[in-house]
Amino acid sequence: MDTINPLKDQPHSIPLRKLLLWALYALLPIITIFHLIAYPFPLSLSQSKQSLAITTSSSTPSKGTIHKIKEIGNASVEISCDYSNGNWVHDKLGPLYTKCDTIKEGQNCITHGRPDNDYLYWRWKPKNCQLPRFDPKKFLQLFKNKNLAFVGDSLARNQLESLLCMLSTFSPHDLVFSHGEENKFRKWYFPSHNVNVSIYWSPFLVKGVEKSDKTYYNTLFLDSVDEKWAIDLGQMDLVVFSFGHWYLHSAVYYYGDKVLGCHSCSGLNYTEVGFYDVYGKAFETTFKTIIDRRGGKNKNAGILDVIVTTFSPAHFEGEWDKYGACSKTKPYDAKEKEKLEWMDAEMRETSIKQVNIAKKEAAHGKNVRFEVVDVTKLAYLRPDGHPGPYMHPFPFANRIEERVQNDCVHWCLPGPIDTWNEILMQMIKKMDSPI
């Protein structure tokens, strides 16, 4: 294509307007050269729409993934991505998988006859950036020759099974260890990349005795971690904590030999102290133990990445065993539900606060790194993603019963919880970046 020369074949008498136009053309190459010097990496169209923030080198990074673009004196130009803030948008591609042999029976909504499938075709869209689709090959490459562990309650197991299902679309895995009631302790092995993925049942993280038929309350010892998972800390390269729902149950709390109080323990002569501070104390004890055991300055010790998945809200509407307890079939719009419920917000804030404290405590070492996968708001917007009555196969095969058990806490697989692992992968890439 021919280029246009503004100085070619023009009359000698040149108006001022044209002189200004030529001056502009002459400046364009200079502007281009300056831009290439100042910004050697070209911004894509999607990146140009993202917000740019200038922060000093001593400032605390904002939440989400941060990509450094250019150092300018003592400041740096950054593109930040807050994955916790956005909206669910319709997505024609759907999930990476539809069948998977590691899905817990109660979350297998498709095979249990859930009649609608629109819940499979939504993607989380953060406000100021893109959340890439999960890449199972890249994930396994990131963790080649490493050990991953999920620790917590049944939501941790839910997230783990989602991860296994997505990874299995690229590489097969073997169940190499199974122990405990309902297989609460399991390990899978991916021979293609020598990767181990484990689940540890520990609904409090700290030492505890779960309620039973004889005792209606849990008993927690807030000064000691649960050694069922902590004993293997030396073998872990990544640990993902996800817990909280068991803290809503009746409980008695100990610190050493002293009773601190209780939550919802009518009939017992203890002071009611609630569970928010106790939930924070469990994080505190857990993180202190991790830093003490893995956070030294020993250069030969491997790096342990600790990631907390924030509290995932439930969506019961009325009684748990009544028809229609969680019958929504579409996500909420972010504008429709701008604020979290108070309890969900408190649980979220507690976990983020404790992670930020742990980051400072671990800074003197270099062997432990802490991060948050903040899913509370995006989970809150997905009332359609739970099994509901389809936690059991074909619950209405004969007729619709007024009373039916519902699961409005856990998530169908495939389903919204797959997004947890998409964000997890981005957090891992951030932690491994040279920024």
Protein backbone atom coordinates (compact mmCIF):
# COMPACT_ATOMS: atom_id res chain seq x y z
CA MET A 1 0.00 0.00 0.00
CA ASP A 2 1.33 3.49 -0.93
CA THR A 3 2.06 5.86 1.91
CA ILE A 4 0.83 9.44 1.90
CA ASN A 5 3.48 12.14 2.01
CA PRO A 6 2.01 15.39 3.31
CA LEU A 7 4.85 17.40 1.70
CA LYS A 8 4.48 16.03 -1.85
CA ASP A 9 3.10 18.16 -4.70
CA GLN A 10 1.90 20.99 -2.50
CA PRO A 11 1.76 24.68 -3.59
CA HIS A 12 4.41 27.12 -2.37
CA SER A 13 1.80 29.26 -0.62
CA ILE A 14 0.99 27.14 2.41
CA PRO A 15 -1.88 28.04 4.78
CA LEU A 16 -1.26 27.99 8.55
CA ARG A 17 -3.74 25.11 9.01
CA LYS A 18 -1.70 22.87 6.69
CA LEU A 19 1.54 23.83 8.41
CA LEU A 20 0.06 22.64 11.72
CA LEU A 21 -1.06 19.40 10.09
CA TRP A 22 2.43 18.74 8.71
CA ALA A 23 3.94 19.45 12.11
CA LEU A 24 1.66 16.83 13.61
CA TYR A 25 2.77 14.24 11.03
CA ALA A 26 6.39 15.06 11.79
CA LEU A 27 5.86 14.51 15.52
CA LEU A 28 4.20 11.09 15.16
CA PRO A 29 7.46 9.10 14.65
CA ILE A 30 9.02 10.86 17.64
CA ILE A 31 6.01 9.99 19.83
CA THR A 32 6.15 6.38 18.66
CA ILE A 33 9.86 6.04 19.47
CA PHE A 34 9.29 7.55 22.94
CA HIS A 35 6.43 5.11 23.63
CA LEU A 36 8.56 2.13 22.64
CA ILE A 37 11.34 3.26 24.98
CA ALA A 38 9.00 3.90 27.91
CA TYR A 39 6.77 0.84 27.32
CA PRO A 40 8.71 -1.94 25.55
CA PHE A 41 5.83 -4.42 25.94
CA PRO A 42 2.82 -3.59 23.73
CA LEU A 43 -0.56 -3.55 25.39
CA SER A 44 -3.25 -5.68 23.82
CA LEU A 45 -6.70 -4.30 23.22
CA SER A 46 -8.07 -6.10 26.25
CA GLN A 47 -5.17 -4.93 28.42
CA SER A 48 -5.63 -1.31 27.39
CA LYS A 49 -9.06 -1.38 28.99
CA GLN A 50 -7.62 -2.45 32.34
CA SER A 51 -6.95 0.08 35.08
CA LEU A 52 -3.36 1.31 35.54
CA ALA A 53 -2.16 2.15 39.03
CA ILE A 54 1.12 3.80 40.02
CA THR A 55 2.43 2.67 43.39
CA THR A 56 5.69 3.17 45.22
CA SER A 57 8.01 0.20 45.55
CA SER A 58 7.36 0.08 49.29
CA SER A 59 3.58 -0.05 49.01
CA THR A 60 1.52 -3.16 49.78
CA PRO A 61 0.25 -4.84 46.59
CA SER A 62 -3.48 -4.74 46.03
CA LYS A 63 -5.43 -8.00 46.16
CA GLY A 64 -5.49 -10.12 43.05
CA THR A 65 -2.84 -10.83 40.46
CA ILE A 66 -0.42 -7.97 39.75
CA HIS A 67 1.72 -7.75 36.61
CA LYS A 68 4.58 -5.22 36.77
CA ILE A 69 5.03 -3.35 33.48
CA LYS A 70 7.82 -0.80 34.04
CA GLU A 71 9.96 0.63 36.81
CA ILE A 72 9.94 4.44 36.87
CA GLY A 73 12.27 5.72 39.56
CA ASN A 74 10.91 4.50 42.91
CA ALA A 75 7.52 3.71 41.46
CA SER A 76 6.14 1.06 39.14
CA VAL A 77 3.27 1.03 36.69
CA GLU A 78 1.09 -2.01 37.39
CA ILE A 79 -1.97 -3.69 35.96
CA SER A 80 -3.98 -5.20 38.81
CA CYS A 81 -6.71 -7.80 38.65
CA ASP A 82 -9.18 -8.13 41.50
CA TYR A 83 -10.77 -11.50 40.78
CA SER A 84 -13.24 -11.08 43.65
CA ASN A 85 -15.14 -8.24 41.99
CA GLY A 86 -17.17 -8.86 38.86
CA ASN A 87 -20.23 -10.52 37.41
CA TRP A 88 -21.34 -13.85 35.97
CA VAL A 89 -21.77 -13.74 32.19
CA HIS A 90 -23.29 -16.33 29.91
CA ASP A 91 -20.78 -18.64 28.26
CA LYS A 92 -21.55 -20.93 25.31
CA LEU A 93 -18.44 -23.07 25.76
CA GLY A 94 -19.48 -24.58 29.06
CA PRO A 95 -17.29 -26.66 31.39
CA LEU A 96 -14.11 -28.59 30.61
CA TYR A 97 -15.78 -31.85 31.66
CA THR A 98 -19.24 -33.34 32.19
CA LYS A 99 -18.31 -36.74 33.62
CA CYS A 100 -15.63 -37.56 36.17
CA ASP A 101 -15.09 -40.58 38.40
CA THR A 102 -13.89 -38.52 41.40
CA ILE A 103 -17.11 -36.52 41.86
CA LYS A 104 -18.70 -37.21 45.24
CA GLU A 105 -22.09 -38.82 44.78
CA GLY A 106 -23.96 -35.91 46.37
CA GLN A 107 -22.52 -33.35 43.92
CA ASN A 108 -23.12 -35.37 40.75
CA CYS A 109 -26.10 -33.27 39.64
CA ILE A 110 -26.12 -34.34 35.98
CA THR A 111 -26.31 -38.07 36.64
CA HIS A 112 -28.79 -37.49 39.47
CA GLY A 113 -31.30 -36.10 36.99
CA ARG A 114 -31.20 -32.35 37.50
CA PRO A 115 -33.50 -31.27 34.64
CA ASP A 116 -31.96 -27.86 33.85
CA ASN A 117 -28.38 -27.36 32.65
CA ASP A 118 -28.10 -23.59 32.28
CA TYR A 119 -25.99 -23.47 35.45
CA LEU A 120 -23.15 -25.02 33.41
CA TYR A 121 -22.93 -22.09 30.99
CA TRP A 122 -21.77 -19.14 33.05
CA ARG A 123 -18.28 -17.68 33.44
CA TRP A 124 -16.99 -15.30 36.05
CA LYS A 125 -15.96 -11.96 34.49
CA PRO A 126 -13.89 -9.71 36.78
CA LYS A 127 -14.56 -6.00 36.34
CA ASN A 128 -11.17 -4.83 35.13
CA CYS A 129 -9.53 -7.86 33.55
CA GLN A 130 -9.97 -11.35 32.14
CA LEU A 131 -9.93 -14.60 34.10
CA PRO A 132 -8.28 -17.17 31.80
CA ARG A 133 -9.83 -20.59 31.39
CA PHE A 134 -8.25 -23.36 33.38
CA ASP A 135 -5.29 -24.93 31.60
CA PRO A 136 -4.75 -28.46 32.99
CA LYS A 137 -1.49 -28.97 31.10
CA LYS A 138 -0.01 -25.73 32.42
CA PHE A 139 -1.19 -26.49 35.94
CA LEU A 140 0.56 -29.86 35.97
CA GLN A 141 3.69 -28.29 34.54
CA LEU A 142 3.69 -25.74 37.36
CA PHE A 143 3.58 -28.53 39.93
CA LYS A 144 5.81 -31.10 38.31
CA ASN A 145 7.47 -33.28 41.00
CA LYS A 146 5.45 -31.57 43.75
CA ASN A 147 2.83 -32.37 46.40
CA LEU A 148 -0.46 -30.47 46.68
CA ALA A 149 -2.78 -30.73 49.67
CA PHE A 150 -6.33 -29.54 50.31
CA VAL A 151 -7.14 -29.25 54.00
CA GLY A 152 -10.47 -28.44 55.60
CA ASP A 153 -14.09 -29.50 55.48
CA SER A 154 -16.34 -30.79 52.71
CA LEU A 155 -15.96 -27.54 50.75
CA ALA A 156 -12.23 -28.25 50.55
CA ARG A 157 -13.11 -31.69 49.23
CA ASN A 158 -15.57 -30.13 46.76
CA GLN A 159 -12.82 -27.85 45.39
CA LEU A 160 -10.32 -30.70 45.28
CA GLU A 161 -12.66 -32.92 43.27
CA SER A 162 -13.27 -30.05 40.84
CA LEU A 163 -9.50 -29.73 40.35
CA LEU A 164 -9.08 -33.47 39.79
CA CYS A 165 -11.85 -33.50 37.20
CA MET A 166 -10.30 -30.64 35.25
CA LEU A 167 -6.79 -32.11 35.40
CA SER A 168 -8.08 -35.49 34.24
CA THR A 169 -9.17 -33.95 30.94
CA PHE A 170 -5.47 -33.77 30.10
CA SER A 171 -3.79 -36.52 32.13
CA PRO A 172 -5.08 -39.65 33.90
CA HIS A 173 -4.54 -40.11 37.64
CA ASP A 174 -4.47 -43.00 40.10
CA LEU A 175 -5.96 -43.18 43.59
CA VAL A 176 -2.95 -44.33 45.63
CA PHE A 177 -4.24 -43.87 49.20
CA SER A 178 -7.64 -43.93 50.86
CA HIS A 179 -8.42 -43.98 54.55
CA GLY A 180 -11.12 -43.02 57.03
CA GLU A 181 -14.87 -42.81 57.04
CA GLU A 182 -16.18 -41.63 53.65
CA ASN A 183 -12.57 -41.71 52.42
CA LYS A 184 -11.80 -38.45 54.19
CA PHE A 185 -8.06 -38.88 53.64
CA ARG A 186 -7.07 -39.64 50.06
CA LYS A 187 -4.19 -39.14 47.66
CA TRP A 188 -4.08 -39.20 43.86
CA TYR A 189 -1.02 -39.48 41.65
CA PHE A 190 -0.47 -38.04 38.16
CA PRO A 191 2.35 -40.14 36.68
CA SER A 192 2.73 -37.88 33.63
CA HIS A 193 4.18 -35.08 35.82
CA ASN A 194 4.95 -36.87 39.11
CA VAL A 195 2.33 -34.78 40.92
CA ASN A 196 0.54 -35.85 44.11
CA VAL A 197 -2.79 -34.30 45.15
CA SER A 198 -4.16 -35.06 48.62
CA ILE A 199 -7.21 -34.27 50.73
CA TYR A 200 -7.09 -34.03 54.54
CA TRP A 201 -10.34 -33.90 56.48
CA SER A 202 -9.91 -31.23 59.18
CA PRO A 203 -13.04 -29.08 59.60
CA PHE A 204 -11.47 -26.87 62.29
CA LEU A 205 -7.77 -26.92 61.24
CA VAL A 206 -7.00 -26.96 64.96
CA LYS A 207 -7.30 -30.02 67.16
CA GLY A 208 -10.91 -30.93 67.75
CA VAL A 209 -13.44 -33.59 68.62
CA GLU A 210 -16.46 -33.63 66.34
CA LYS A 211 -20.00 -33.83 67.66
CA SER A 212 -21.61 -37.26 67.71
CA ASP A 213 -24.80 -39.08 68.64
CA LYS A 214 -23.74 -38.79 72.30
CA THR A 215 -22.53 -35.16 72.21
CA TYR A 216 -24.37 -32.41 70.34
CA TYR A 217 -21.44 -29.99 70.34
CA ASN A 218 -17.91 -29.91 68.92
CA THR A 219 -14.90 -29.52 71.20
CA LEU A 220 -12.02 -27.38 69.94
CA PHE A 221 -8.51 -26.90 71.35
CA LEU A 222 -7.46 -23.56 69.90
CA ASP A 223 -3.80 -23.70 70.94
CA SER A 224 -2.94 -26.83 68.90
CA VAL A 225 -3.23 -27.64 65.21
CA ASP A 226 -4.76 -30.87 63.99
CA GLU A 227 -1.75 -33.15 63.50
CA LYS A 228 -3.70 -35.33 61.08
CA TRP A 229 -2.65 -32.85 58.40
CA ALA A 230 0.13 -30.89 60.09
CA ILE A 231 2.33 -33.96 60.51
CA ASP A 232 2.84 -33.94 56.71
CA LEU A 233 3.75 -30.24 56.44
CA GLY A 234 7.33 -31.11 55.57
CA GLN A 235 6.21 -32.91 52.41
CA MET A 236 3.85 -30.23 51.08
CA ASP A 237 4.64 -27.71 48.35
CA LEU A 238 1.16 -26.16 48.24
CA VAL A 239 -1.59 -26.33 50.85
CA VAL A 240 -5.08 -24.95 50.20
CA PHE A 241 -7.21 -24.32 53.29
CA SER A 242 -11.00 -24.17 52.99
CA PHE A 243 -13.08 -24.34 56.16
CA GLY A 244 -15.62 -22.43 58.21
CA HIS A 245 -19.05 -24.04 58.06
CA TRP A 246 -18.35 -26.31 61.04
CA TYR A 247 -17.73 -23.20 63.14
CA LEU A 248 -21.42 -22.38 62.87
CA HIS A 249 -22.29 -25.49 64.91
CA SER A 250 -22.49 -25.74 68.70
CA ALA A 251 -19.04 -25.93 70.27
CA VAL A 252 -17.00 -25.64 73.46
CA TYR A 253 -13.62 -23.92 73.16
CA TYR A 254 -10.45 -24.73 75.08
CA TYR A 255 -7.08 -23.01 75.19
CA GLY A 256 -4.76 -25.41 76.97
CA ASP A 257 -6.68 -26.73 79.98
CA LYS A 258 -8.85 -23.63 80.26
CA VAL A 259 -12.34 -23.29 78.84
CA LEU A 260 -12.63 -20.02 76.92
CA GLY A 261 -16.38 -20.29 76.39
CA CYS A 262 -18.77 -21.79 73.92
CA HIS A 263 -21.11 -21.17 71.02
CA SER A 264 -24.79 -22.16 71.12
CA CYS A 265 -24.33 -24.50 74.07
CA SER A 266 -27.55 -24.26 76.05
CA GLY A 267 -27.51 -26.44 79.13
CA LEU A 268 -23.76 -26.04 79.67
CA ASN A 269 -22.46 -23.59 82.24
CA TYR A 270 -20.09 -21.76 79.87
CA THR A 271 -19.96 -18.19 78.61
CA GLU A 272 -21.35 -17.64 75.11
CA VAL A 273 -18.53 -16.15 73.01
CA GLY A 274 -19.77 -16.76 69.45
CA PHE A 275 -17.48 -18.09 66.75
CA TYR A 276 -15.96 -15.18 64.79
CA ASP A 277 -13.01 -14.58 67.12
CA VAL A 278 -12.54 -18.32 67.51
CA TYR A 279 -12.44 -18.73 63.72
CA GLY A 280 -9.71 -16.11 63.60
CA LYS A 281 -7.83 -17.83 66.43
CA ALA A 282 -7.80 -21.09 64.44
CA PHE A 283 -6.11 -19.27 61.55
CA GLU A 284 -3.64 -17.69 63.96
CA THR A 285 -2.63 -21.03 65.51
CA THR A 286 -2.44 -22.71 62.10
CA PHE A 287 -0.28 -20.02 60.49
CA LYS A 288 2.04 -19.78 63.49
CA THR A 289 2.62 -23.53 63.35
CA ILE A 290 3.35 -23.40 59.61
CA ILE A 291 5.81 -20.52 59.99
CA ASP A 292 7.55 -22.22 62.93
CA ARG A 293 7.94 -25.49 61.04
CA ARG A 294 8.58 -24.28 57.50
CA GLY A 295 9.42 -20.59 57.72
CA GLY A 296 13.04 -20.69 58.82
CA LYS A 297 15.96 -19.23 56.90
CA ASN A 298 17.27 -22.65 55.91
CA LYS A 299 18.13 -22.22 52.23
CA ASN A 300 17.76 -25.96 51.63
CA ALA A 301 14.14 -25.98 52.74
CA GLY A 302 11.64 -25.85 49.90
CA ILE A 303 9.08 -23.09 49.55
CA LEU A 304 5.60 -23.79 50.89
CA ASP A 305 2.73 -21.85 49.35
CA VAL A 306 -0.29 -21.45 51.64
CA ILE A 307 -3.55 -20.39 50.01
CA VAL A 308 -6.83 -19.76 51.80
CA THR A 309 -10.11 -20.11 49.93
CA THR A 310 -12.50 -17.68 51.61
CA PHE A 311 -15.88 -18.64 53.05
CA SER A 312 -18.43 -19.94 50.56
CA PRO A 313 -22.02 -18.80 51.38
CA ALA A 314 -24.99 -21.16 51.50
CA HIS A 315 -28.32 -20.36 49.80
CA PHE A 316 -31.09 -21.97 51.84
CA GLU A 317 -34.41 -20.21 51.40
CA GLY A 318 -36.51 -21.39 54.29
CA GLU A 319 -36.27 -24.89 55.74
CA TRP A 320 -33.50 -27.25 54.60
CA ASP A 321 -35.89 -30.16 54.02
CA LYS A 322 -38.66 -28.32 52.21
CA TYR A 323 -39.29 -28.41 48.47
CA GLY A 324 -37.72 -25.39 46.77
CA ALA A 325 -35.12 -24.64 49.46
CA CYS A 326 -32.65 -23.57 46.75
CA SER A 327 -34.59 -23.56 43.51
CA LYS A 328 -32.94 -20.64 41.67
CA THR A 329 -31.85 -21.46 38.11
CA LYS A 330 -29.84 -18.31 37.28
CA PRO A 331 -27.09 -16.29 38.99
CA TYR A 332 -27.81 -13.03 40.75
CA ASP A 333 -26.57 -9.88 39.06
CA ALA A 334 -23.89 -8.10 41.06
CA LYS A 335 -26.06 -4.97 41.21
CA GLU A 336 -28.94 -7.06 42.53
CA LYS A 337 -26.83 -8.30 45.46
CA GLU A 338 -24.30 -5.55 46.10
CA LYS A 339 -23.68 -6.44 49.75
CA LEU A 340 -22.88 -9.77 51.33
CA GLU A 341 -24.91 -11.08 54.23
CA TRP A 342 -23.35 -9.95 57.48
CA MET A 343 -22.13 -13.38 58.59
CA ASP A 344 -20.58 -14.19 55.20
CA ALA A 345 -18.81 -10.83 55.15
CA GLU A 346 -17.42 -11.36 58.66
CA MET A 347 -16.08 -14.82 57.84
CA ARG A 348 -14.47 -13.49 54.67
CA GLU A 349 -12.89 -10.49 56.40
CA THR A 350 -11.52 -12.67 59.20
CA SER A 351 -9.67 -14.98 56.81
CA ILE A 352 -8.24 -12.10 54.73
CA LYS A 353 -7.10 -10.27 57.88
CA GLN A 354 -5.32 -13.35 59.21
CA VAL A 355 -3.59 -14.00 55.88
CA ASN A 356 -2.32 -10.41 55.79
CA ILE A 357 -0.94 -10.78 59.33
CA ALA A 358 0.74 -14.07 58.36
CA LYS A 359 2.35 -12.43 55.32
CA LYS A 360 4.10 -9.95 57.61
CA GLU A 361 5.11 -12.65 60.10
CA ALA A 362 6.59 -14.81 57.33
CA ALA A 363 8.43 -11.96 55.60
CA HIS A 364 11.67 -12.46 57.57
CA GLY A 365 11.96 -16.03 56.25
CA LYS A 366 11.49 -16.76 52.56
CA ASN A 367 10.21 -20.30 52.72
CA VAL A 368 6.48 -19.69 53.30
CA ARG A 369 4.21 -17.54 51.12
CA PHE A 370 0.58 -16.73 51.90
CA GLU A 371 -2.23 -15.74 49.54
CA VAL A 372 -6.03 -15.62 49.37
CA VAL A 373 -8.45 -16.96 46.78
CA ASP A 374 -11.38 -14.64 47.51
CA VAL A 375 -14.52 -16.43 46.29
CA THR A 376 -17.13 -15.23 48.81
CA LYS A 377 -18.83 -12.63 46.61
CA LEU A 378 -18.76 -14.63 43.39
CA ALA A 379 -20.11 -17.67 45.26
CA TYR A 380 -22.82 -15.53 46.86
CA LEU A 381 -24.07 -14.64 43.36
CA ARG A 382 -24.60 -18.31 42.37
CA PRO A 383 -27.74 -19.61 44.14
CA ASP A 384 -28.31 -21.84 41.09
CA GLY A 385 -25.11 -23.84 41.50
CA HIS A 386 -26.07 -26.18 44.35
CA PRO A 387 -27.35 -29.77 44.09
CA GLY A 388 -30.52 -28.91 46.03
CA PRO A 389 -32.69 -32.05 46.08
CA TYR A 390 -30.45 -33.66 43.44
CA MET A 391 -27.93 -34.59 46.09
CA HIS A 392 -29.87 -37.87 45.74
CA PRO A 393 -30.63 -39.59 42.41
CA PHE A 394 -33.94 -38.63 40.80
CA PRO A 395 -35.68 -37.39 43.96
CA PHE A 396 -38.96 -36.74 42.13
CA ALA A 397 -39.09 -39.88 40.03
CA ASN A 398 -42.47 -40.83 41.50
CA ARG A 399 -43.91 -37.48 42.57
CA ILE A 400 -42.94 -34.14 44.09
CA GLU A 401 -42.77 -34.45 47.85
CA GLU A 402 -43.23 -31.40 50.05
CA ARG A 403 -40.39 -32.58 52.29
CA VAL A 404 -37.13 -33.45 50.60
CA GLN A 405 -33.53 -33.11 51.79
CA ASN A 406 -31.66 -30.27 50.07
CA ASP A 407 -27.99 -29.39 49.69
CA CYS A 408 -27.69 -25.63 49.29
CA VAL A 409 -24.10 -25.51 50.60
CA HIS A 410 -21.95 -27.65 48.29
CA TRP A 411 -21.63 -27.17 44.54
CA CYS A 412 -22.60 -29.29 41.56
CA LEU A 413 -19.70 -30.69 39.55
CA PRO A 414 -19.15 -29.40 37.01
CA GLY A 415 -20.30 -26.04 38.29
CA PRO A 416 -19.35 -22.67 39.79
CA ILE A 417 -16.66 -24.13 42.05
CA ASP A 418 -14.52 -24.83 38.97
CA THR A 419 -13.94 -21.07 38.99
CA TRP A 420 -12.27 -21.37 42.41
CA ASN A 421 -9.51 -23.38 40.72
CA GLU A 422 -9.20 -20.99 37.79
CA ILE A 423 -8.44 -18.23 40.30
CA LEU A 424 -6.18 -20.59 42.26
CA MET A 425 -4.08 -21.14 39.16
CA GLN A 426 -3.71 -17.42 38.56
CA MET A 427 -2.66 -16.90 42.19
CA ILE A 428 0.01 -19.58 41.83
CA LYS A 429 1.32 -17.94 38.66
CA LYS A 430 1.41 -14.62 40.48
CA MET A 431 3.38 -16.08 43.38
CA ASP A 432 5.90 -17.59 40.95
CA SER A 433 6.26 -14.40 38.91
CA PRO A 434 9.46 -12.33 39.30
CA ILE A 435 7.55 -9.24 40.43
